[in-house]
Amino acid sequence: MFKYFKNIILSPIHLGQSNQGVANAPSHLSHIFHSEILNNNIKVYKVHLNHTNIEKDLLDIYSTSNYVSGTRINVGGDHSMSIATVAHTLNHHSNVKVIWIDAHADINTKYSSKSKNVHGMSLAYLSGLESQYLKSYPFIKKRISLDDICYIGVRSLDPFEKDVISDNNMTVITSGEVNNDPTQVLRAIEQFCGTDSHIHISFDVDAMCPKLIPCTGTPVKNGLQVKETRFLLENILKRLNVVAMDVVEYNPDIGIQNGILTPKRVTTANIIQLLSDSYAINKNKIEKNLNIIPKSHILDNNK
């Protein structure tokens, strides 16, 4: 998947929820994919966050996005990151469609949310449903229409979210539909996006079956399968005008017990099967191949 992008932005944000280990995902994933990053001459940007104020962290992520030119993969961190990354896409491109691949709708407001975790409110902010606290994010200048959001894999919804989706007749593609007929789903997505759209994919790894990728904070059963999801992602990237892609909610710390690698963490090799440009991955040797990207290849930006 990396060959379709010019830049990677590493954003270790975790304040959108309670599991701090998710902040380790950008470093972990960039180490795993070091060879593909270098082979494709992809520029890597690391956002330095203070981890004390989510509004400040998201502003820093947005500022770094402004600094970067061209297509990009945004690696989080939790899904609150998308408040900044999708806002950047909306502000810099016309006719934006968002493909939200997630077990959750992430469209709760401060009022409707039971957990009050911001990572479950991203689309409420971006669409303007959450307007009371919108001033906290001044970079949200354009709003995404609910008609321009396509959900894939959503299966854990709060009552408020069900009502929003139903009342607005939002586009929802189930994990079962993807797993059973990804080709038909691809046709539906192409029809949804049209020919002149700029596409932002926001991929939460909890969209996947938790037996395949258990290292995430809010797993939900009956998720997407690897082969079909890879087919879908690769063809969306190949056939549509994707300008940005988020990868969020991977938590490598969940697979560690007493400092020892467990089978749970080994199964995160499925992320590589999903995103790698090559299928030649030996899952049993993945941890031996975690070479660090040379420091000279990482551009630190504190804007």
Foldseek 3Di string as FASTA:
>chain_A
DPLLWQEEEEQAEAQLDDDNLQSCFSQQVCLLCVVVCVVSVHFYEYFDDPRPDVLVSLVSLLVVVVVDDFFYEYEYDAQLNVLRVVLNVPVPDPQEAEEEQAQEPLCDECVRDPRSRNSSRSLVLQQVVHVVCVVSHVSSPDHDHLLRYAYELHNDYDPVRVCVCVVVVHHYHHLVNLQVCLPVVLVVVCVSRDAPYEYEYEHEPLQAACVQQVQFDDHDHPHHDLVSLLVNVVVCSVPHRYRYYYYGGGRLCVQDDPNDGDVNNLSCCSVCSNDPPDNPDDSVCSVVSSHGNPPVSYDYDHD
